[in-house]
């Protein structure tokens, strides 16, 4: 499946709009079915494509890429998701990055999330994602 995804996202005959829609649908299915890292693994080649998508000007593309990267546990992926979770202008993208960190994070990620600035009243998506990610990592890494 990863080879198909890589080929699809690198295919110049597929419009950017189609790629963004496909990416959004993949991320939605991953979130909706609550897939774990082991059930939806992302290989290095697809992760490289998604890491590049994090630089997109399109919020849906960044959010979709951040969601899919929740299936690729690596120090580079975790570092980029942490950066995105703190600096992206979109609360949707920040929330998705936080959710993905909950899937692939380690003890250092848990400490980062525990020190994450408390989201304001309007940032309910980030607050919910943060609570869920911390809960998952605390279960994975009990004190």
Protein backbone atom coordinates (compact mmCIF):
# COMPACT_ATOMS: atom_id res chain seq x y z
CA UNK A 1 0.00 0.00 0.00
CA UNK A 2 2.85 2.41 0.78
CA UNK A 3 4.25 2.05 -2.75
CA UNK A 4 0.86 2.96 -4.21
CA UNK A 5 0.61 6.04 -1.99
CA UNK A 6 4.13 7.18 -2.90
CA UNK A 7 3.45 6.73 -6.61
CA UNK A 8 0.13 8.54 -6.32
CA UNK A 9 1.54 11.58 -4.54
CA UNK A 10 4.47 11.83 -6.95
CA UNK A 11 2.33 11.37 -10.11
CA UNK A 12 2.43 14.59 -12.13
CA UNK A 13 -0.81 13.67 -13.94
CA UNK A 14 -2.78 13.83 -10.67
CA UNK A 15 -3.87 17.37 -9.79
CA UNK A 16 -2.84 18.96 -6.52
CA UNK A 17 -6.51 19.26 -5.61
CA UNK A 18 -7.03 15.51 -6.10
CA UNK A 19 -3.94 14.73 -4.02
CA UNK A 20 -5.16 16.98 -1.20
CA UNK A 21 -8.62 15.38 -1.26
CA UNK A 22 -7.13 11.90 -1.25
CA UNK A 23 -4.81 12.82 1.62
CA UNK A 24 -7.67 14.31 3.62
CA UNK A 25 -9.77 11.16 3.12
CA UNK A 26 -6.89 8.89 4.15
CA UNK A 27 -6.31 10.87 7.33
CA UNK A 28 -10.05 10.95 8.09
CA UNK A 29 -10.31 7.16 7.72
CA UNK A 30 -7.27 6.71 9.93
CA UNK A 31 -8.74 8.96 12.63
CA UNK A 32 -12.28 7.60 12.30
CA UNK A 33 -11.28 3.97 12.65
CA UNK A 34 -8.76 4.80 15.42
CA UNK A 35 -5.94 2.97 13.68
CA UNK A 36 -2.76 2.53 15.62
CA UNK A 37 0.77 2.86 14.36
CA UNK A 38 1.05 -0.92 13.94
CA UNK A 39 -2.19 -1.17 11.95
CA UNK A 40 -1.34 1.68 9.59
CA UNK A 41 2.41 1.72 9.24
CA UNK A 42 3.94 4.35 6.99
CA UNK A 43 7.25 3.40 5.41
CA UNK A 44 10.24 5.74 5.07
CA UNK A 45 9.53 6.63 1.44
CA UNK A 46 5.94 7.70 2.12
CA UNK A 47 7.04 9.48 5.31
CA UNK A 48 9.50 11.56 3.24
CA UNK A 49 6.68 12.60 0.92
CA UNK A 50 4.46 13.49 3.89
CA UNK A 51 7.26 15.41 5.63
CA UNK A 52 7.49 17.57 2.50
CA UNK A 53 3.72 18.08 2.57
CA UNK A 54 4.05 19.62 6.04
CA UNK A 55 5.53 22.68 4.29
CA UNK A 56 2.48 23.14 2.07
CA UNK A 57 0.50 26.36 2.14
CA UNK A 58 -2.67 24.26 2.13
CA UNK A 59 -4.09 23.54 5.60
CA UNK A 60 -5.82 20.31 4.47
CA UNK A 61 -2.59 18.98 3.02
CA UNK A 62 -0.57 19.79 6.17
CA UNK A 63 -3.27 18.27 8.39
CA UNK A 64 -3.54 15.13 6.28
CA UNK A 65 0.22 14.67 6.21
CA UNK A 66 0.45 15.20 9.97
CA UNK A 67 -2.26 12.58 10.48
CA UNK A 68 -0.56 9.99 8.30
CA UNK A 69 2.76 10.60 10.03
CA UNK A 70 1.12 9.17 13.14
CA UNK A 71 1.95 5.86 11.48
CA UNK A 72 5.69 6.50 11.21
CA UNK A 73 7.67 6.41 14.43
CA UNK A 74 11.03 8.08 13.94
CA UNK A 75 12.91 10.82 15.72
CA UNK A 76 12.70 13.07 12.63
CA UNK A 77 8.94 12.59 12.36
CA UNK A 78 8.41 13.27 16.06
CA UNK A 79 10.58 16.40 15.92
CA UNK A 80 8.72 17.77 12.88
CA UNK A 81 5.33 17.02 14.46
CA UNK A 82 6.41 18.76 17.67
CA UNK A 83 7.48 21.79 15.67
CA UNK A 84 4.20 21.77 13.75
CA UNK A 85 2.14 21.37 16.92
CA UNK A 86 3.64 24.55 18.32
CA UNK A 87 4.01 26.81 15.32
CA UNK A 88 1.41 26.05 12.67
CA UNK A 89 -1.13 28.87 12.27
CA UNK A 90 -4.00 26.39 11.92
CA UNK A 91 -5.54 24.88 15.08
CA UNK A 92 -6.68 21.91 12.96
CA UNK A 93 -3.10 21.16 11.91
CA UNK A 94 -1.77 21.65 15.46
CA UNK A 95 -4.44 19.29 16.84
CA UNK A 96 -3.66 16.66 14.22
CA UNK A 97 0.06 16.91 14.96
CA UNK A 98 -0.62 16.46 18.69
CA UNK A 99 -2.83 13.40 17.98
CA UNK A 100 -0.08 11.85 15.88
CA UNK A 101 2.48 12.50 18.60
CA UNK A 102 0.23 10.48 20.91
CA UNK A 103 0.57 7.52 18.54
CA UNK A 104 4.32 7.60 17.92
CA UNK A 105 5.75 9.50 20.87
CA UNK A 106 8.20 8.37 23.50
CA UNK A 107 8.84 9.54 27.07
CA UNK A 108 10.40 12.79 25.81
CA UNK A 109 7.29 13.43 23.73
CA UNK A 110 5.14 12.82 26.79
CA UNK A 111 7.16 15.41 28.73
CA UNK A 112 6.80 17.85 25.82
CA UNK A 113 3.03 17.39 25.71
CA UNK A 114 2.70 17.71 29.48
CA UNK A 115 4.37 21.14 29.20
CA UNK A 116 2.36 22.16 26.13
CA UNK A 117 0.68 25.56 26.63
CA UNK A 118 -2.90 25.15 27.83
CA UNK A 119 -5.18 25.80 24.85
CA UNK A 120 -7.61 28.71 25.11
CA UNK A 121 -11.39 28.48 25.12
CA UNK A 122 -11.66 28.41 21.31
CA UNK A 123 -9.04 25.71 20.83
CA UNK A 124 -11.23 22.76 21.85
CA UNK A 125 -9.73 20.53 19.12
CA UNK A 126 -6.23 21.05 20.43
CA UNK A 127 -7.34 20.56 24.03
CA UNK A 128 -9.10 17.29 23.14
CA UNK A 129 -6.14 16.07 21.08
CA UNK A 130 -3.71 16.99 23.86
CA UNK A 131 -5.70 15.14 26.52
CA UNK A 132 -5.97 12.05 24.30
CA UNK A 133 -2.29 12.06 23.34
CA UNK A 134 -1.14 12.43 26.95
CA UNK A 135 -3.50 9.65 28.04
CA UNK A 136 -2.15 7.29 25.34
CA UNK A 137 1.47 8.02 26.18
CA UNK A 138 0.90 7.69 29.93
CA UNK A 139 -0.59 4.24 29.29
CA UNK A 140 2.37 3.34 27.09
CA UNK A 141 4.93 4.76 29.56
CA UNK A 142 3.58 4.46 33.11
CA UNK A 143 5.54 6.18 35.88
